Amino acid sequence: MRKLHRWASVALSAAVMVSLTAGCSNPADGGSGADASGKVALLLSTMNNPFFVSIRDGAQQEADNRGVSLNVLDAQNDPTTQANQVQTAVANKATAIIINPVDSDAAAAAIRPALDAKIPVVAVDRGITGVTVDSFIASDNVAGGKQAADILAKAIGESGEVIVLEGIPGASSTRDRGQGFTDRIKTYPKITVVASQTANFDRTEGLDVTTNLMQANPGVVGIYAQNDEMALGAVAALGGNTAKAVKIVGFDGGDDALADVKAGSMVADIAQQPKLLGKQAVASISDILAGKTVDKTQSMPVETVTQDTVDKFTQANS
């Protein structure tokens, strides 16, 4: 029943997000119904994920504090939709753009019209390959990947077979979290990564991919999921008892994942601070518009949260 309740919560959150943004944009047409004139456009990869909803919430809080008019658009994980949203923002003379790219590689061409128009651009959570923006604000994903490797290695006694659930191909967070994990797990000679496959940062795909990989590799004792949604899918695929035997480490620090860490269904979660990312993105774009200098790269720390520390972490971030 707890899993069904969790799925219902996600569905309700998605419905609320649609309601809140319906008056601002129509993601299906690239946001062409939104008037971005005199506004900062916040272009999110998806709002069907609690992590990005939290980025939106943090950004809106900071925008309200600073008197910034924020126009939030949802690309629904479609690079073409996001490119159309950039073009619409430029055409409607947005004063600045904050972008969370669907695909870090594809976003280079998508953001070019804004850069050519001299519109300030800040990338948040994921970088943009091959172009220079005013600032890139993200969690230290490489460090987080290393932390995930260490805590998973400890949980499985530094020995055994593990699998990796990868994020969206082309996303900088996918590359960085993968790099950090791969580099560190190599320092444990008795651990073997027997399979690594994308589940696109999606819960349902995480369930399906985990099911298939576990059938092909029944000796697996550990799973590293590059975000919480895939980790939750892995928990659902394995079931409560099996999930405790197969140690699962997620990445994000979302409420559902932390609840599973507390219950023991996940051994740990690498927790980001999504609201802080959103707040810092708006603060930086506001400073840029005021003529101030901001750092080109701003790295936010992540924290390894275990069953022993989850209550303390949750209280500190409530």
C-alpha atoms as a PDB file:
ATOM      1  CA  MET A   1       0.000   0.000   0.000  1.00  0.00           C
ATOM      2  CA  ARG A   2       2.896   2.356   0.726  1.00  0.00           C
ATOM      3  CA  LYS A   3       4.143   1.965  -2.876  1.00  0.00           C
ATOM      4  CA  LEU A   4       0.663   2.637  -4.276  1.00  0.00           C
ATOM      5  CA  HIS A   5       0.398   5.726  -2.099  1.00  0.00           C
ATOM      6  CA  ARG A   6       3.750   6.929  -3.357  1.00  0.00           C
ATOM      7  CA  TRP A   7       2.714   6.515  -6.986  1.00  0.00           C
ATOM      8  CA  ALA A   8      -0.504   8.391  -6.232  1.00  0.00           C
ATOM      9  CA  SER A   9       1.500  11.219  -4.684  1.00  0.00           C
ATOM     10  CA  VAL A  10       3.605  11.556  -7.819  1.00  0.00           C
ATOM     11  CA  ALA A  11       0.499  11.621  -9.993  1.00  0.00           C
ATOM     12  CA  LEU A  12      -1.113  14.255  -7.779  1.00  0.00           C
ATOM     13  CA  SER A  13       2.051  16.368  -7.847  1.00  0.00           C
ATOM     14  CA  ALA A  14       2.081  16.220 -11.632  1.00  0.00           C
ATOM     15  CA  ALA A  15      -1.562  17.294 -11.763  1.00  0.00           C
ATOM     16  CA  VAL A  16      -0.883  20.200  -9.440  1.00  0.00           C
ATOM     17  CA  MET A  17       2.067  21.307 -11.562  1.00  0.00           C
ATOM     18  CA  VAL A  18      -0.103  21.308 -14.684  1.00  0.00           C
ATOM     19  CA  SER A  19      -2.662  23.419 -12.858  1.00  0.00           C
ATOM     20  CA  LEU A  20      -0.079  25.886 -11.598  1.00  0.00           C
ATOM     21  CA  THR A  21       1.560  26.372 -14.995  1.00  0.00           C
ATOM     22  CA  ALA A  22      -1.474  26.207 -17.261  1.00  0.00           C
ATOM     23  CA  GLY A  23      -1.861  29.950 -17.253  1.00  0.00           C
ATOM     24  CA  CYS A  24       1.776  30.496 -18.170  1.00  0.00           C
ATOM     25  CA  SER A  25       2.521  28.218 -21.086  1.00  0.00           C
ATOM     26  CA  ASN A  26       1.554  25.362 -23.305  1.00  0.00           C
ATOM     27  CA  PRO A  27       4.513  22.971 -23.331  1.00  0.00           C
ATOM     28  CA  ALA A  28       3.127  21.080 -26.301  1.00  0.00           C
ATOM     29  CA  ASP A  29       3.611  24.077 -28.580  1.00  0.00           C
ATOM     30  CA  GLY A  30       6.979  25.030 -27.088  1.00  0.00           C
ATOM     31  CA  GLY A  31       5.526  27.680 -24.813  1.00  0.00           C
ATOM     32  CA  SER A  32       4.347  29.849 -27.715  1.00  0.00           C
ATOM     33  CA  GLY A  33       1.293  30.873 -25.709  1.00  0.00           C
ATOM     34  CA  ALA A  34       3.416  32.515 -23.019  1.00  0.00           C
ATOM     35  CA  ASP A  35       4.333  36.172 -22.998  1.00  0.00           C
ATOM     36  CA  ALA A  36       7.922  36.254 -21.723  1.00  0.00           C
ATOM     37  CA  SER A  37       8.253  40.001 -22.253  1.00  0.00           C
ATOM     38  CA  GLY A  38      10.026  41.539 -19.294  1.00  0.00           C
ATOM     39  CA  LYS A  39      10.349  38.161 -17.623  1.00  0.00           C
ATOM     40  CA  VAL A  40      13.037  35.670 -16.743  1.00  0.00           C
ATOM     41  CA  ALA A  41      12.261  32.387 -18.513  1.00  0.00           C
ATOM     42  CA  LEU A  42      12.913  29.255 -16.452  1.00  0.00           C
ATOM     43  CA  LEU A  43      13.105  26.337 -18.892  1.00  0.00           C
ATOM     44  CA  LEU A  44      12.947  23.026 -17.041  1.00  0.00           C
ATOM     45  CA  SER A  45      13.611  19.638 -18.618  1.00  0.00           C
ATOM     46  CA  THR A  46      10.549  18.138 -16.940  1.00  0.00           C
ATOM     47  CA  MET A  47       8.195  18.782 -14.070  1.00  0.00           C
ATOM     48  CA  ASN A  48       7.126  15.142 -13.903  1.00  0.00           C
ATOM     49  CA  ASN A  49       9.917  14.584 -11.394  1.00  0.00           C
ATOM     50  CA  PRO A  50       9.853  15.909  -7.812  1.00  0.00           C
ATOM     51  CA  PHE A  51      13.492  17.003  -8.038  1.00  0.00           C
ATOM     52  CA  PHE A  52      12.799  19.524 -10.784  1.00  0.00           C
ATOM     53  CA  VAL A  53       9.604  20.647  -9.079  1.00  0.00           C
ATOM     54  CA  SER A  54      11.813  21.519  -6.090  1.00  0.00           C
ATOM     55  CA  ILE A  55      14.166  23.487  -8.350  1.00  0.00           C
ATOM     56  CA  ARG A  56      11.105  25.374  -9.608  1.00  0.00           C
ATOM     57  CA  ASP A  57       9.906  26.013  -6.056  1.00  0.00           C
ATOM     58  CA  GLY A  58      13.289  27.346  -4.937  1.00  0.00           C
ATOM     59  CA  ALA A  59      13.543  29.544  -8.004  1.00  0.00           C
ATOM     60  CA  GLN A  60      10.051  30.945  -7.439  1.00  0.00           C
ATOM     61  CA  GLN A  61      10.791  31.702  -3.779  1.00  0.00           C
ATOM     62  CA  GLU A  62      13.909  33.659  -4.718  1.00  0.00           C
ATOM     63  CA  ALA A  63      12.098  35.398  -7.571  1.00  0.00           C
ATOM     64  CA  ASP A  64       9.361  36.502  -5.177  1.00  0.00           C
ATOM     65  CA  ASN A  65      11.962  37.782  -2.719  1.00  0.00           C
ATOM     66  CA  ARG A  66      13.760  39.770  -5.407  1.00  0.00           C
ATOM     67  CA  GLY A  67      10.716  41.018  -7.307  1.00  0.00           C
ATOM     68  CA  VAL A  68      11.661  38.995 -10.397  1.00  0.00           C
ATOM     69  CA  SER A  69       8.892  37.947 -12.783  1.00  0.00           C
ATOM     70  CA  LEU A  70       9.498  34.256 -13.521  1.00  0.00           C
ATOM     71  CA  ASN A  71       7.958  32.417 -16.463  1.00  0.00           C
ATOM     72  CA  VAL A  72       8.238  28.645 -15.930  1.00  0.00           C
ATOM     73  CA  LEU A  73       8.100  26.292 -18.913  1.00  0.00           C
ATOM     74  CA  ASP A  74       8.189  22.490 -19.006  1.00  0.00           C
ATOM     75  CA  ALA A  75       9.994  20.775 -21.922  1.00  0.00           C
ATOM     76  CA  GLN A  76       8.538  17.372 -20.984  1.00  0.00           C
ATOM     77  CA  ASN A  77      11.974  15.811 -21.571  1.00  0.00           C
ATOM     78  CA  ASP A  78      11.846  16.742 -25.264  1.00  0.00           C
ATOM     79  CA  PRO A  79      14.902  18.613 -26.664  1.00  0.00           C
ATOM     80  CA  THR A  80      12.879  19.929 -29.613  1.00  0.00           C
ATOM     81  CA  THR A  81      10.235  21.395 -27.325  1.00  0.00           C
ATOM     82  CA  GLN A  82      12.940  23.044 -25.265  1.00  0.00           C
ATOM     83  CA  ALA A  83      14.561  24.525 -28.382  1.00  0.00           C
ATOM     84  CA  ASN A  84      11.180  25.965 -29.375  1.00  0.00           C
ATOM     85  CA  GLN A  85      10.805  27.444 -25.900  1.00  0.00           C
ATOM     86  CA  VAL A  86      14.160  29.213 -26.232  1.00  0.00           C
ATOM     87  CA  GLN A  87      13.117  30.676 -29.587  1.00  0.00           C
ATOM     88  CA  THR A  88       9.808  31.847 -28.128  1.00  0.00           C
ATOM     89  CA  ALA A  89      11.551  33.462 -25.153  1.00  0.00           C
ATOM     90  CA  VAL A  90      13.917  35.297 -27.512  1.00  0.00           C
ATOM     91  CA  ALA A  91      11.081  36.413 -29.771  1.00  0.00           C
ATOM     92  CA  ASN A  92       9.125  37.699 -26.776  1.00  0.00           C
ATOM     93  CA  LYS A  93      12.195  39.581 -25.515  1.00  0.00           C
ATOM     94  CA  ALA A  94      12.761  37.685 -22.279  1.00  0.00           C
ATOM     95  CA  THR A  95      15.250  39.623 -20.175  1.00  0.00           C
ATOM     96  CA  ALA A  96      17.147  36.458 -19.196  1.00  0.00           C
ATOM     97  CA  ILE A  97      16.947  32.668 -19.431  1.00  0.00           C
ATOM     98  CA  ILE A  98      17.587  29.975 -16.841  1.00  0.00           C
ATOM     99  CA  ILE A  99      17.791  26.590 -18.537  1.00  0.00           C
ATOM    100  CA  ASN A 100      17.890  23.064 -17.157  1.00  0.00           C
ATOM    101  CA  PRO A 101      18.774  21.210 -20.370  1.00  0.00           C
ATOM    102  CA  VAL A 102      17.015  18.046 -21.433  1.00  0.00           C
ATOM    103  CA  ASP A 103      20.163  17.081 -23.344  1.00  0.00           C
ATOM    104  CA  SER A 104      23.427  18.897 -22.671  1.00  0.00           C
ATOM    105  CA  ASP A 105      24.671  18.311 -26.220  1.00  0.00           C
ATOM    106  CA  ALA A 106      21.469  19.300 -28.030  1.00  0.00           C
ATOM    107  CA  ALA A 107      21.084  22.372 -25.815  1.00  0.00           C
ATOM    108  CA  ALA A 108      24.112  24.029 -27.432  1.00  0.00           C
ATOM    109  CA  ALA A 109      22.249  24.682 -30.687  1.00  0.00           C
ATOM    110  CA  ALA A 110      18.998  25.344 -28.834  1.00  0.00           C
ATOM    111  CA  ILE A 111      20.441  28.141 -26.685  1.00  0.00           C
ATOM    112  CA  ARG A 112      22.377  29.806 -29.537  1.00  0.00           C
ATOM    113  CA  PRO A 113      19.554  32.249 -30.479  1.00  0.00           C
ATOM    114  CA  ALA A 114      19.549  33.586 -26.908  1.00  0.00           C
ATOM    115  CA  LEU A 115      23.325  33.978 -26.838  1.00  0.00           C
ATOM    116  CA  ASP A 116      23.283  35.707 -30.230  1.00  0.00           C
ATOM    117  CA  ALA A 117      20.632  38.087 -28.893  1.00  0.00           C
ATOM    118  CA  LYS A 118      22.910  38.885 -25.896  1.00  0.00           C
ATOM    119  CA  ILE A 119      20.340  37.538 -23.447  1.00  0.00           C
ATOM    120  CA  PRO A 120      21.979  36.415 -20.176  1.00  0.00           C
ATOM    121  CA  VAL A 121      21.818  32.636 -19.738  1.00  0.00           C
ATOM    122  CA  VAL A 122      22.334  30.535 -16.621  1.00  0.00           C
ATOM    123  CA  ALA A 123      22.343  26.730 -16.807  1.00  0.00           C
ATOM    124  CA  VAL A 124      21.160  24.854 -13.723  1.00  0.00           C
ATOM    125  CA  ASP A 125      21.713  21.211 -12.689  1.00  0.00           C
ATOM    126  CA  ARG A 126      22.969  20.224 -16.164  1.00  0.00           C
ATOM    127  CA  GLY A 127      25.572  22.003 -18.255  1.00  0.00           C
ATOM    128  CA  ILE A 128      25.527  22.863 -21.946  1.00  0.00           C
ATOM    129  CA  THR A 129      28.223  21.287 -24.081  1.00  0.00           C
ATOM    130  CA  GLY A 130      30.359  23.496 -26.299  1.00  0.00           C
ATOM    131  CA  VAL A 131      29.024  26.950 -25.424  1.00  0.00           C
ATOM    132  CA  THR A 132      29.812  29.514 -22.748  1.00  0.00           C
ATOM    133  CA  VAL A 133      26.928  30.745 -20.618  1.00  0.00           C
ATOM    134  CA  ASP A 134      26.991  33.379 -17.895  1.00  0.00           C
ATOM    135  CA  SER A 135      27.015  30.766 -15.124  1.00  0.00           C
ATOM    136  CA  PHE A 136      26.554  27.040 -14.605  1.00  0.00           C
ATOM    137  CA  ILE A 137      25.085  26.050 -11.231  1.00  0.00           C
ATOM    138  CA  ALA A 138      25.009  22.389 -10.286  1.00  0.00           C
ATOM    139  CA  SER A 139      25.620  19.881  -7.564  1.00  0.00           C
ATOM    140  CA  ASP A 140      29.077  18.331  -7.503  1.00  0.00           C
ATOM    141  CA  ASN A 141      27.936  15.284  -9.452  1.00  0.00           C
ATOM    142  CA  VAL A 142      31.392  13.763  -9.863  1.00  0.00           C
ATOM    143  CA  ALA A 143      31.939  13.893  -6.103  1.00  0.00           C
ATOM    144  CA  GLY A 144      28.458  12.458  -5.596  1.00  0.00           C
ATOM    145  CA  GLY A 145      29.247   9.538  -7.889  1.00  0.00           C
ATOM    146  CA  LYS A 146      32.368   8.812  -5.854  1.00  0.00           C
ATOM    147  CA  GLN A 147      30.392   8.976  -2.619  1.00  0.00           C
ATOM    148  CA  ALA A 148      27.866   6.538  -4.095  1.00  0.00           C
ATOM    149  CA  ALA A 149      30.651   4.098  -4.965  1.00  0.00           C
ATOM    150  CA  ASP A 150      32.089   4.274  -1.464  1.00  0.00           C
ATOM    151  CA  ILE A 151      28.808   3.736   0.368  1.00  0.00           C
ATOM    152  CA  LEU A 152      27.723   0.928  -1.968  1.00  0.00           C
ATOM    153  CA  ALA A 153      31.114  -0.782  -1.605  1.00  0.00           C
ATOM    154  CA  LYS A 154      30.833  -0.586   2.169  1.00  0.00           C
ATOM    155  CA  ALA A 155      27.294  -1.993   2.101  1.00  0.00           C
ATOM    156  CA  ILE A 156      28.288  -5.073   0.073  1.00  0.00           C
ATOM    157  CA  GLY A 157      31.489  -5.765   1.980  1.00  0.00           C
ATOM    158  CA  GLU A 158      33.681  -4.447  -0.854  1.00  0.00           C
ATOM    159  CA  SER A 159      33.009  -7.573  -2.909  1.00  0.00           C
ATOM    160  CA  GLY A 160      30.480  -8.746  -5.495  1.00  0.00           C
ATOM    161  CA  GLU A 161      28.638  -7.875  -8.689  1.00  0.00           C
ATOM    162  CA  VAL A 162      26.820  -4.557  -9.155  1.00  0.00           C
ATOM    163  CA  ILE A 163      24.761  -2.918 -11.863  1.00  0.00           C
ATOM    164  CA  VAL A 164      24.356   0.753 -12.795  1.00  0.00           C
ATOM    165  CA  LEU A 165      21.141   2.468 -13.900  1.00  0.00           C
ATOM    166  CA  GLU A 166      22.203   5.388 -16.073  1.00  0.00           C
ATOM    167  CA  GLY A 167      20.366   8.650 -16.668  1.00  0.00           C
ATOM    168  CA  ILE A 168      19.428  10.367 -19.925  1.00  0.00           C
ATOM    169  CA  PRO A 169      22.198   9.922 -22.518  1.00  0.00           C
ATOM    170  CA  GLY A 170      23.802  13.264 -23.298  1.00  0.00           C
ATOM    171  CA  ALA A 171      22.910  14.886 -19.959  1.00  0.00           C
ATOM    172  CA  SER A 172      25.959  16.253 -18.146  1.00  0.00           C
ATOM    173  CA  SER A 173      24.650  14.897 -14.842  1.00  0.00           C
ATOM    174  CA  THR A 174      24.570  11.414 -16.352  1.00  0.00           C
ATOM    175  CA  ARG A 175      28.169  11.711 -17.495  1.00  0.00           C
ATOM    176  CA  ASP A 176      29.441  13.230 -14.255  1.00  0.00           C
ATOM    177  CA  ARG A 177      27.655  10.863 -11.890  1.00  0.00           C
ATOM    178  CA  GLY A 178      28.801   7.965 -14.025  1.00  0.00           C
ATOM    179  CA  GLN A 179      32.382   9.197 -14.163  1.00  0.00           C
ATOM    180  CA  GLY A 180      32.631   9.681 -10.406  1.00  0.00           C
ATOM    181  CA  PHE A 181      31.205   6.236  -9.695  1.00  0.00           C
ATOM    182  CA  THR A 182      33.309   4.455 -12.309  1.00  0.00           C
ATOM    183  CA  ASP A 183      36.543   6.094 -11.209  1.00  0.00           C
ATOM    184  CA  ARG A 184      36.005   5.249  -7.550  1.00  0.00           C
ATOM    185  CA  ILE A 185      34.532   1.744  -7.895  1.00  0.00           C
ATOM    186  CA  LYS A 186      37.709   0.721  -9.744  1.00  0.00           C
ATOM    187  CA  THR A 187      39.577   1.139  -6.476  1.00  0.00           C
ATOM    188  CA  TYR A 188      37.659  -1.846  -5.089  1.00  0.00           C
ATOM    189  CA  PRO A 189      39.238  -4.807  -6.935  1.00  0.00           C
ATOM    190  CA  LYS A 190      36.708  -7.381  -5.729  1.00  0.00           C
ATOM    191  CA  ILE A 191      33.729  -5.441  -7.097  1.00  0.00           C
ATOM    192  CA  THR A 192      32.639  -5.958 -10.705  1.00  0.00           C
ATOM    193  CA  VAL A 193      30.167  -3.805 -12.646  1.00  0.00           C
ATOM    194  CA  VAL A 194      28.435  -6.511 -14.682  1.00  0.00           C
ATOM    195  CA  ALA A 195      25.928  -4.255 -16.458  1.00  0.00           C
ATOM    196  CA  SER A 196      25.305  -0.534 -17.005  1.00  0.00           C
ATOM    197  CA  GLN A 197      22.197   0.575 -18.894  1.00  0.00           C
ATOM    198  CA  THR A 198      20.137   3.725 -19.269  1.00  0.00           C
ATOM    199  CA  ALA A 199      16.737   4.006 -17.642  1.00  0.00           C
ATOM    200  CA  ASN A 200      16.451   7.690 -18.612  1.00  0.00           C
ATOM    201  CA  PHE A 201      16.013   9.029 -15.057  1.00  0.00           C
ATOM    202  CA  ASP A 202      12.532   7.438 -15.103  1.00  0.00           C
ATOM    203  CA  ARG A 203      10.875   5.319 -12.398  1.00  0.00           C
ATOM    204  CA  THR A 204       9.005   2.965 -14.717  1.00  0.00           C
ATOM    205  CA  GLU A 205      12.066   2.416 -16.882  1.00  0.00           C
ATOM    206  CA  GLY A 206      14.091   1.860 -13.729  1.00  0.00           C
ATOM    207  CA  LEU A 207      11.697  -0.924 -12.760  1.00  0.00           C
ATOM    208  CA  ASP A 208      11.834  -2.541 -16.206  1.00  0.00           C
ATOM    209  CA  VAL A 209      15.600  -2.263 -16.661  1.00  0.00           C
ATOM    210  CA  THR A 210      16.277  -3.584 -13.149  1.00  0.00           C
ATOM    211  CA  THR A 211      13.968  -6.547 -13.745  1.00  0.00           C
ATOM    212  CA  ASN A 212      15.744  -7.440 -16.981  1.00  0.00           C
ATOM    213  CA  LEU A 213      19.267  -6.942 -15.654  1.00  0.00           C
ATOM    214  CA  MET A 214      18.593  -8.951 -12.504  1.00  0.00           C
ATOM    215  CA  GLN A 215      17.219 -11.819 -14.577  1.00  0.00           C
ATOM    216  CA  ALA A 216      20.392 -11.766 -16.683  1.00  0.00           C
ATOM    217  CA  ASN A 217      22.649 -11.305 -13.641  1.00  0.00           C
ATOM    218  CA  PRO A 218      21.069 -13.104 -10.670  1.00  0.00           C
ATOM    219  CA  GLY A 219      24.251 -12.814  -8.589  1.00  0.00           C
ATOM    220  CA  VAL A 220      24.066  -9.006  -8.346  1.00  0.00           C
ATOM    221  CA  VAL A 221      24.334  -7.692  -4.796  1.00  0.00           C
ATOM    222  CA  GLY A 222      24.328  -3.933  -5.421  1.00  0.00           C
ATOM    223  CA  ILE A 223      22.667  -1.292  -7.619  1.00  0.00           C
ATOM    224  CA  TYR A 224      23.723   2.304  -8.216  1.00  0.00           C
ATOM    225  CA  ALA A 225      20.948   4.429  -9.705  1.00  0.00           C
ATOM    226  CA  GLN A 226      21.975   7.845 -11.000  1.00  0.00           C
ATOM    227  CA  ASN A 227      18.768   9.413  -9.706  1.00  0.00           C
ATOM    228  CA  ASP A 228      16.039   8.690  -7.171  1.00  0.00           C
ATOM    229  CA  GLU A 229      13.334   7.876  -9.679  1.00  0.00           C
ATOM    230  CA  MET A 230      15.346   4.980 -11.108  1.00  0.00           C
ATOM    231  CA  ALA A 231      16.289   3.860  -7.589  1.00  0.00           C
ATOM    232  CA  LEU A 232      12.621   3.767  -6.622  1.00  0.00           C
ATOM    233  CA  GLY A 233      11.928   1.748  -9.747  1.00  0.00           C
ATOM    234  CA  ALA A 234      14.631  -0.703  -8.686  1.00  0.00           C
ATOM    235  CA  VAL A 235      13.062  -1.013  -5.222  1.00  0.00           C
ATOM    236  CA  ALA A 236       9.693  -1.775  -6.825  1.00  0.00           C
ATOM    237  CA  ALA A 237      11.273  -4.331  -9.155  1.00  0.00           C
ATOM    238  CA  LEU A 238      13.021  -6.184  -6.340  1.00  0.00           C
ATOM    239  CA  GLY A 239      10.356  -6.007  -3.662  1.00  0.00           C
ATOM    240  CA  GLY A 240      10.951  -5.144  -0.004  1.00  0.00           C
ATOM    241  CA  ASN A 241      12.873  -8.215   1.172  1.00  0.00           C
ATOM    242  CA  THR A 242      14.971  -8.552  -1.972  1.00  0.00           C
ATOM    243  CA  ALA A 243      15.714  -4.841  -1.986  1.00  0.00           C
ATOM    244  CA  LYS A 244      17.251  -5.227   1.453  1.00  0.00           C
ATOM    245  CA  ALA A 245      19.429  -8.095   0.199  1.00  0.00           C
ATOM    246  CA  VAL A 246      20.434  -6.181  -2.930  1.00  0.00           C
ATOM    247  CA  LYS A 247      21.857  -2.892  -1.712  1.00  0.00           C
ATOM    248  CA  ILE A 248      20.519   0.125  -3.624  1.00  0.00           C
ATOM    249  CA  VAL A 249      22.021   3.609  -3.667  1.00  0.00           C
ATOM    250  CA  GLY A 250      20.118   6.482  -5.288  1.00  0.00           C
ATOM    251  CA  PHE A 251      20.959  10.085  -6.112  1.00  0.00           C
ATOM    252  CA  ASP A 252      18.899  13.248  -5.458  1.00  0.00           C
ATOM    253  CA  GLY A 253      17.575  13.287  -1.901  1.00  0.00           C
ATOM    254  CA  GLY A 254      13.866  13.281  -2.721  1.00  0.00           C
ATOM    255  CA  ASP A 255      11.210  12.538  -0.097  1.00  0.00           C
ATOM    256  CA  ASP A 256      10.240   9.109  -1.460  1.00  0.00           C
ATOM    257  CA  ALA A 257      13.840   7.923  -1.655  1.00  0.00           C
ATOM    258  CA  LEU A 258      14.641   9.187   1.832  1.00  0.00           C
ATOM    259  CA  ALA A 259      11.582   7.320   3.126  1.00  0.00           C
ATOM    260  CA  ASP A 260      12.984   4.136   1.571  1.00  0.00           C
ATOM    261  CA  VAL A 261      16.386   4.808   3.118  1.00  0.00           C
ATOM    262  CA  LYS A 262      14.696   5.121   6.508  1.00  0.00           C
ATOM    263  CA  ALA A 263      12.751   1.896   5.902  1.00  0.00           C
ATOM    264  CA  GLY A 264      15.879   0.053   4.776  1.00  0.00           C
ATOM    265  CA  SER A 265      14.725  -0.589   1.217  1.00  0.00           C
ATOM    266  CA  MET A 266      17.597   1.623   0.028  1.00  0.00           C
ATOM    267  CA  VAL A 267      20.947   1.604   1.757  1.00  0.00           C
ATOM    268  CA  ALA A 268      21.741   5.245   1.013  1.00  0.00           C
ATOM    269  CA  ASP A 269      20.936   8.268  -1.088  1.00  0.00           C
ATOM    270  CA  ILE A 270      23.264  10.962  -2.400  1.00  0.00           C
ATOM    271  CA  ALA A 271      21.278  14.056  -1.492  1.00  0.00           C
ATOM    272  CA  GLN A 272      21.307  17.239  -3.498  1.00  0.00           C
ATOM    273  CA  GLN A 273      19.709  20.542  -2.536  1.00  0.00           C
ATOM    274  CA  PRO A 274      17.353  21.263  -5.454  1.00  0.00           C
ATOM    275  CA  LYS A 275      15.649  24.269  -3.851  1.00  0.00           C
ATOM    276  CA  LEU A 276      19.067  25.810  -3.284  1.00  0.00           C
ATOM    277  CA  LEU A 277      19.925  25.223  -6.940  1.00  0.00           C
ATOM    278  CA  GLY A 278      16.779  27.069  -7.996  1.00  0.00           C
ATOM    279  CA  LYS A 279      17.348  29.912  -5.555  1.00  0.00           C
ATOM    280  CA  GLN A 280      20.965  30.326  -6.615  1.00  0.00           C
ATOM    281  CA  ALA A 281      20.027  30.346 -10.307  1.00  0.00           C
ATOM    282  CA  VAL A 282      17.584  33.219  -9.800  1.00  0.00           C
ATOM    283  CA  ALA A 283      19.963  35.071  -7.471  1.00  0.00           C
ATOM    284  CA  SER A 284      22.728  34.789 -10.079  1.00  0.00           C
ATOM    285  CA  ILE A 285      20.589  35.933 -12.998  1.00  0.00           C
ATOM    286  CA  SER A 286      19.317  38.842 -10.898  1.00  0.00           C
ATOM    287  CA  ASP A 287      22.900  39.860 -10.107  1.00  0.00           C
ATOM    288  CA  ILE A 288      23.897  39.562 -13.762  1.00  0.00           C
ATOM    289  CA  LEU A 289      20.995  41.813 -14.805  1.00  0.00           C
ATOM    290  CA  ALA A 290      22.143  44.303 -12.157  1.00  0.00           C
ATOM    291  CA  GLY A 291      25.589  44.399 -13.743  1.00  0.00           C
ATOM    292  CA  LYS A 292      27.320  42.330 -11.089  1.00  0.00           C
ATOM    293  CA  THR A 293      29.888  39.604 -11.743  1.00  0.00           C
ATOM    294  CA  VAL A 294      29.056  36.018 -10.819  1.00  0.00           C
ATOM    295  CA  ASP A 295      31.221  32.907 -10.914  1.00  0.00           C
ATOM    296  CA  LYS A 296      31.132  31.015 -14.203  1.00  0.00           C
ATOM    297  CA  THR A 297      30.804  27.728 -12.329  1.00  0.00           C
ATOM    298  CA  GLN A 298      29.005  27.358  -9.004  1.00  0.00           C
ATOM    299  CA  SER A 299      29.174  23.951  -7.350  1.00  0.00           C
ATOM    300  CA  MET A 300      26.738  22.913  -4.630  1.00  0.00           C
ATOM    301  CA  PRO A 301      27.787  20.174  -2.169  1.00  0.00           C
ATOM    302  CA  VAL A 302      26.005  16.825  -1.893  1.00  0.00           C
ATOM    303  CA  GLU A 303      25.619  14.616   1.166  1.00  0.00           C
ATOM    304  CA  THR A 304      25.538  10.852   1.650  1.00  0.00           C
ATOM    305  CA  VAL A 305      22.374  10.040   3.618  1.00  0.00           C
ATOM    306  CA  THR A 306      22.038   6.646   5.338  1.00  0.00           C
ATOM    307  CA  GLN A 307      19.512   5.098   7.689  1.00  0.00           C
ATOM    308  CA  ASP A 308      21.564   6.457  10.582  1.00  0.00           C
ATOM    309  CA  THR A 309      21.509  10.052   9.322  1.00  0.00           C
ATOM    310  CA  VAL A 310      18.243  10.364   7.389  1.00  0.00           C
ATOM    311  CA  ASP A 311      16.233  11.892  10.257  1.00  0.00           C
ATOM    312  CA  LYS A 312      18.894  14.484  10.951  1.00  0.00           C
ATOM    313  CA  PHE A 313      19.169  15.353   7.255  1.00  0.00           C
ATOM    314  CA  THR A 314      15.394  15.610   6.807  1.00  0.00           C
ATOM    315  CA  GLN A 315      15.016  17.871   9.826  1.00  0.00           C
ATOM    316  CA  ALA A 316      17.864  20.114   8.683  1.00  0.00           C
ATOM    317  CA  ASN A 317      16.280  20.561   5.249  1.00  0.00           C
ATOM    318  CA  SER A 318      12.611  20.789   6.244  1.00  0.00           C
END
